[in-house]
Amino acid sequence: MPKVSLDMPGQILADLKIHVGDDRKFVSVADAIRTACRKMLDQLDEIDTRHGRLEGNN
């Protein structure tokens, strides 16, 4: 799996870490970021489909 490096404001990371760990929604920060990216891409696909910009190019 490719690795990605990014800069993120500390406040966003701190807020994200509230949801990471045992008995939380995500097992790791990386898992939370992957999930957020997938959700965002799904939403963008829906928007593109509504506007006729997506023609099966998943």
PDB file of N, CA and C in Angstrom:
ATOM      1  N   MET A   1       0.857  -1.167   0.000  1.00  0.00           N
ATOM      2  CA  MET A   1       0.000   0.000   0.000  1.00  0.00           C
ATOM      3  C   MET A   1       0.907   1.235   0.000  1.00  0.00           C
ATOM      4  N   PRO A   2       0.656   2.180  -0.900  1.00  0.00           N
ATOM      5  CA  PRO A   2       1.474   3.402  -0.928  1.00  0.00           C
ATOM      6  C   PRO A   2       1.308   4.203   0.366  1.00  0.00           C
ATOM      7  N   LYS A   3       2.352   4.908   0.723  1.00  0.00           N
ATOM      8  CA  LYS A   3       2.305   5.780   1.902  1.00  0.00           C
ATOM      9  C   LYS A   3       2.181   7.223   1.443  1.00  0.00           C
ATOM     10  N   VAL A   4       1.442   8.003   2.208  1.00  0.00           N
ATOM     11  CA  VAL A   4       1.222   9.413   1.913  1.00  0.00           C
ATOM     12  C   VAL A   4       1.620  10.215   3.141  1.00  0.00           C
ATOM     13  N   SER A   5       2.281  11.307   2.921  1.00  0.00           N
ATOM     14  CA  SER A   5       2.665  12.199   4.003  1.00  0.00           C
ATOM     15  C   SER A   5       1.923  13.513   3.812  1.00  0.00           C
ATOM     16  N   LEU A   6       1.453  14.107   4.906  1.00  0.00           N
ATOM     17  CA  LEU A   6       0.747  15.371   4.787  1.00  0.00           C
ATOM     18  C   LEU A   6       0.947  16.219   6.029  1.00  0.00           C
ATOM     19  N   ASP A   7       0.773  17.503   5.858  1.00  0.00           N
ATOM     20  CA  ASP A   7       0.780  18.437   6.983  1.00  0.00           C
ATOM     21  C   ASP A   7      -0.666  18.685   7.386  1.00  0.00           C
ATOM     22  N   MET A   8      -0.898  18.722   8.696  1.00  0.00           N
ATOM     23  CA  MET A   8      -2.251  18.909   9.205  1.00  0.00           C
ATOM     24  C   MET A   8      -2.180  19.803  10.435  1.00  0.00           C
ATOM     25  N   PRO A   9      -3.067  20.781  10.532  1.00  0.00           N
ATOM     26  CA  PRO A   9      -3.080  21.615  11.739  1.00  0.00           C
ATOM     27  C   PRO A   9      -3.273  20.758  12.995  1.00  0.00           C
ATOM     28  N   GLY A  10      -2.583  21.126  14.044  1.00  0.00           N
ATOM     29  CA  GLY A  10      -2.642  20.375  15.289  1.00  0.00           C
ATOM     30  C   GLY A  10      -4.043  20.218  15.844  1.00  0.00           C
ATOM     31  N   GLN A  11      -4.870  21.238  15.691  1.00  0.00           N
ATOM     32  CA  GLN A  11      -6.235  21.168  16.222  1.00  0.00           C
ATOM     33  C   GLN A  11      -7.059  20.094  15.514  1.00  0.00           C
ATOM     34  N   ILE A  12      -6.877  19.970  14.202  1.00  0.00           N
ATOM     35  CA  ILE A  12      -7.605  18.933  13.459  1.00  0.00           C
ATOM     36  C   ILE A  12      -7.134  17.553  13.912  1.00  0.00           C
ATOM     37  N   LEU A  13      -5.831  17.375  14.051  1.00  0.00           N
ATOM     38  CA  LEU A  13      -5.298  16.095  14.508  1.00  0.00           C
ATOM     39  C   LEU A  13      -5.794  15.766  15.913  1.00  0.00           C
ATOM     40  N   ALA A  14      -5.796  16.741  16.789  1.00  0.00           N
ATOM     41  CA  ALA A  14      -6.289  16.518  18.155  1.00  0.00           C
ATOM     42  C   ALA A  14      -7.760  16.117  18.141  1.00  0.00           C
ATOM     43  N   ASP A  15      -8.563  16.800  17.334  1.00  0.00           N
ATOM     44  CA  ASP A  15      -9.984  16.456  17.227  1.00  0.00           C
ATOM     45  C   ASP A  15     -10.158  15.048  16.665  1.00  0.00           C
ATOM     46  N   LEU A  16      -9.346  14.696  15.694  1.00  0.00           N
ATOM     47  CA  LEU A  16      -9.417  13.378  15.074  1.00  0.00           C
ATOM     48  C   LEU A  16      -9.069  12.281  16.074  1.00  0.00           C
ATOM     49  N   LYS A  17      -8.044  12.524  16.886  1.00  0.00           N
ATOM     50  CA  LYS A  17      -7.583  11.517  17.851  1.00  0.00           C
ATOM     51  C   LYS A  17      -8.626  11.205  18.927  1.00  0.00           C
ATOM     52  N   ILE A  18      -9.586  12.081  19.123  1.00  0.00           N
ATOM     53  CA  ILE A  18     -10.674  11.818  20.075  1.00  0.00           C
ATOM     54  C   ILE A  18     -11.462  10.579  19.649  1.00  0.00           C
ATOM     55  N   HIS A  19     -11.482  10.302  18.355  1.00  0.00           N
ATOM     56  CA  HIS A  19     -12.275   9.202  17.804  1.00  0.00           C
ATOM     57  C   HIS A  19     -11.444   7.955  17.519  1.00  0.00           C
ATOM     58  N   VAL A  20     -10.175   7.955  17.930  1.00  0.00           N
ATOM     59  CA  VAL A  20      -9.255   6.853  17.630  1.00  0.00           C
ATOM     60  C   VAL A  20      -8.861   6.134  18.909  1.00  0.00           C
ATOM     61  N   GLY A  21      -8.852   4.802  18.851  1.00  0.00           N
ATOM     62  CA  GLY A  21      -8.382   4.009  19.984  1.00  0.00           C
ATOM     63  C   GLY A  21      -9.362   2.927  20.369  1.00  0.00           C
ATOM     64  N   ASP A  22      -9.025   2.203  21.425  1.00  0.00           N
ATOM     65  CA  ASP A  22      -9.896   1.138  21.911  1.00  0.00           C
ATOM     66  C   ASP A  22     -11.269   1.702  22.250  1.00  0.00           C
ATOM     67  N   ASP A  23     -12.292   0.961  21.849  1.00  0.00           N
ATOM     68  CA  ASP A  23     -13.689   1.357  22.091  1.00  0.00           C
ATOM     69  C   ASP A  23     -14.082   2.652  21.391  1.00  0.00           C
ATOM     70  N   ARG A  24     -13.366   3.019  20.355  1.00  0.00           N
ATOM     71  CA  ARG A  24     -13.694   4.208  19.560  1.00  0.00           C
ATOM     72  C   ARG A  24     -14.016   3.765  18.142  1.00  0.00           C
ATOM     73  N   LYS A  25     -14.372   4.694  17.301  1.00  0.00           N
ATOM     74  CA  LYS A  25     -14.790   4.351  15.943  1.00  0.00           C
ATOM     75  C   LYS A  25     -13.632   3.869  15.070  1.00  0.00           C
ATOM     76  N   PHE A  26     -12.436   4.411  15.241  1.00  0.00           N
ATOM     77  CA  PHE A  26     -11.303   4.077  14.382  1.00  0.00           C
ATOM     78  C   PHE A  26     -10.176   3.451  15.189  1.00  0.00           C
ATOM     79  N   VAL A  27      -9.450   2.521  14.568  1.00  0.00           N
ATOM     80  CA  VAL A  27      -8.352   1.852  15.260  1.00  0.00           C
ATOM     81  C   VAL A  27      -7.064   2.657  15.196  1.00  0.00           C
ATOM     82  N   SER A  28      -6.978   3.565  14.226  1.00  0.00           N
ATOM     83  CA  SER A  28      -5.772   4.384  14.086  1.00  0.00           C
ATOM     84  C   SER A  28      -6.121   5.684  13.369  1.00  0.00           C
ATOM     85  N   VAL A  29      -5.209   6.641  13.454  1.00  0.00           N
ATOM     86  CA  VAL A  29      -5.391   7.898  12.729  1.00  0.00           C
ATOM     87  C   VAL A  29      -5.431   7.612  11.226  1.00  0.00           C
ATOM     88  N   ALA A  30      -4.560   6.712  10.761  1.00  0.00           N
ATOM     89  CA  ALA A  30      -4.545   6.362   9.332  1.00  0.00           C
ATOM     90  C   ALA A  30      -5.889   5.791   8.895  1.00  0.00           C
ATOM     91  N   ASP A  31      -6.490   4.936   9.724  1.00  0.00           N
ATOM     92  CA  ASP A  31      -7.806   4.370   9.419  1.00  0.00           C
ATOM     93  C   ASP A  31      -8.853   5.473   9.326  1.00  0.00           C
ATOM     94  N   ALA A  32      -8.806   6.435  10.223  1.00  0.00           N
ATOM     95  CA  ALA A  32      -9.759   7.546  10.213  1.00  0.00           C
ATOM     96  C   ALA A  32      -9.601   8.383   8.940  1.00  0.00           C
ATOM     97  N   ILE A  33      -8.362   8.654   8.554  1.00  0.00           N
ATOM     98  CA  ILE A  33      -8.116   9.460   7.353  1.00  0.00           C
ATOM     99  C   ILE A  33      -8.559   8.711   6.100  1.00  0.00           C
ATOM    100  N   ARG A  34      -8.237   7.397   6.018  1.00  0.00           N
ATOM    101  CA  ARG A  34      -8.686   6.594   4.862  1.00  0.00           C
ATOM    102  C   ARG A  34     -10.205   6.603   4.753  1.00  0.00           C
ATOM    103  N   THR A  35     -10.881   6.416   5.882  1.00  0.00           N
ATOM    104  CA  THR A  35     -12.347   6.386   5.887  1.00  0.00           C
ATOM    105  C   THR A  35     -12.914   7.734   5.449  1.00  0.00           C
ATOM    106  N   ALA A  36     -12.335   8.814   5.948  1.00  0.00           N
ATOM    107  CA  ALA A  36     -12.807  10.153   5.571  1.00  0.00           C
ATOM    108  C   ALA A  36     -12.600  10.403   4.080  1.00  0.00           C
ATOM    109  N   CYS A  37     -11.468   9.969   3.548  1.00  0.00           N
ATOM    110  CA  CYS A  37     -11.202  10.150   2.109  1.00  0.00           C
ATOM    111  C   CYS A  37     -12.190   9.350   1.270  1.00  0.00           C
ATOM    112  N   ARG A  38     -12.459   8.099   1.674  1.00  0.00           N
ATOM    113  CA  ARG A  38     -13.431   7.280   0.925  1.00  0.00           C
ATOM    114  C   ARG A  38     -14.805   7.948   0.918  1.00  0.00           C
ATOM    115  N   LYS A  39     -15.227   8.442   2.079  1.00  0.00           N
ATOM    116  CA  LYS A  39     -16.538   9.089   2.179  1.00  0.00           C
ATOM    117  C   LYS A  39     -16.583  10.342   1.309  1.00  0.00           C
ATOM    118  N   MET A  40     -15.526  11.138   1.338  1.00  0.00           N
ATOM    119  CA  MET A  40     -15.478  12.350   0.529  1.00  0.00           C
ATOM    120  C   MET A  40     -15.531  12.002  -0.960  1.00  0.00           C
ATOM    121  N   LEU A  41     -14.792  10.982  -1.374  1.00  0.00           N
ATOM    122  CA  LEU A  41     -14.793  10.582  -2.780  1.00  0.00           C
ATOM    123  C   LEU A  41     -16.169  10.072  -3.212  1.00  0.00           C
ATOM    124  N   ASP A  42     -16.849   9.319  -2.346  1.00  0.00           N
ATOM    125  CA  ASP A  42     -18.215   8.879  -2.645  1.00  0.00           C
ATOM    126  C   ASP A  42     -19.142  10.073  -2.828  1.00  0.00           C
ATOM    127  N   GLN A  43     -19.009  11.064  -1.953  1.00  0.00           N
ATOM    128  CA  GLN A  43     -19.842  12.267  -2.056  1.00  0.00           C
ATOM    129  C   GLN A  43     -19.541  13.031  -3.342  1.00  0.00           C
ATOM    130  N   LEU A  44     -18.268  13.131  -3.710  1.00  0.00           N
ATOM    131  CA  LEU A  44     -17.908  13.824  -4.949  1.00  0.00           C
ATOM    132  C   LEU A  44     -18.440  13.075  -6.167  1.00  0.00           C
ATOM    133  N   ASP A  45     -18.403  11.735  -6.128  1.00  0.00           N
ATOM    134  CA  ASP A  45     -18.972  10.944  -7.221  1.00  0.00           C
ATOM    135  C   ASP A  45     -20.468  11.201  -7.356  1.00  0.00           C
ATOM    136  N   GLU A  46     -21.170  11.279  -6.225  1.00  0.00           N
ATOM    137  CA  GLU A  46     -22.610  11.553  -6.255  1.00  0.00           C
ATOM    138  C   GLU A  46     -22.882  12.930  -6.865  1.00  0.00           C
ATOM    139  N   ILE A  47     -22.098  13.912  -6.485  1.00  0.00           N
ATOM    140  CA  ILE A  47     -22.261  15.267  -7.024  1.00  0.00           C
ATOM    141  C   ILE A  47     -21.983  15.267  -8.525  1.00  0.00           C
ATOM    142  N   ASP A  48     -20.877  14.620  -8.926  1.00  0.00           N
ATOM    143  CA  ASP A  48     -20.532  14.555 -10.348  1.00  0.00           C
ATOM    144  C   ASP A  48     -21.615  13.835 -11.148  1.00  0.00           C
ATOM    145  N   THR A  49     -22.182  12.773 -10.591  1.00  0.00           N
ATOM    146  CA  THR A  49     -23.247  12.040 -11.271  1.00  0.00           C
ATOM    147  C   THR A  49     -24.475  12.933 -11.459  1.00  0.00           C
ATOM    148  N   ARG A  50     -24.841  13.679 -10.431  1.00  0.00           N
ATOM    149  CA  ARG A  50     -26.000  14.581 -10.534  1.00  0.00           C
ATOM    150  C   ARG A  50     -25.786  15.648 -11.599  1.00  0.00           C
ATOM    151  N   HIS A  51     -24.537  16.041 -11.794  1.00  0.00           N
ATOM    152  CA  HIS A  51     -24.236  17.100 -12.762  1.00  0.00           C
ATOM    153  C   HIS A  51     -23.800  16.548 -14.107  1.00  0.00           C
ATOM    154  N   GLY A  52     -23.927  15.236 -14.280  1.00  0.00           N
ATOM    155  CA  GLY A  52     -23.603  14.615 -15.556  1.00  0.00           C
ATOM    156  C   GLY A  52     -22.127  14.589 -15.890  1.00  0.00           C
ATOM    157  N   ARG A  53     -21.275  14.665 -14.881  1.00  0.00           N
ATOM    158  CA  ARG A  53     -19.827  14.687 -15.126  1.00  0.00           C
ATOM    159  C   ARG A  53     -19.177  13.322 -14.929  1.00  0.00           C
ATOM    160  N   LEU A  54     -19.902  12.343 -14.410  1.00  0.00           N
ATOM    161  CA  LEU A  54     -19.312  11.032 -14.141  1.00  0.00           C
ATOM    162  C   LEU A  54     -19.912  10.025 -15.108  1.00  0.00           C
ATOM    163  N   GLU A  55     -19.048   9.433 -15.914  1.00  0.00           N
ATOM    164  CA  GLU A  55     -19.516   8.454 -16.902  1.00  0.00           C
ATOM    165  C   GLU A  55     -18.835   7.123 -16.691  1.00  0.00           C
ATOM    166  N   GLY A  56     -18.951   6.555 -15.483  1.00  0.00           N
ATOM    167  CA  GLY A  56     -18.364   5.265 -15.190  1.00  0.00           C
ATOM    168  C   GLY A  56     -16.859   5.268 -15.045  1.00  0.00           C
ATOM    169  N   ASN A  57     -16.275   6.416 -14.725  1.00  0.00           N
ATOM    170  CA  ASN A  57     -14.812   6.524 -14.574  1.00  0.00           C
ATOM    171  C   ASN A  57     -14.406   6.354 -13.119  1.00  0.00           C
ATOM    172  N   ASN A  58     -14.824   5.274 -12.445  1.00  0.00           N
ATOM    173  CA  ASN A  58     -14.477   5.076 -11.033  1.00  0.00           C
ATOM    174  C   ASN A  58     -13.067   4.737 -10.909  1.00  0.00           C
TER     175      ASN A  58
END
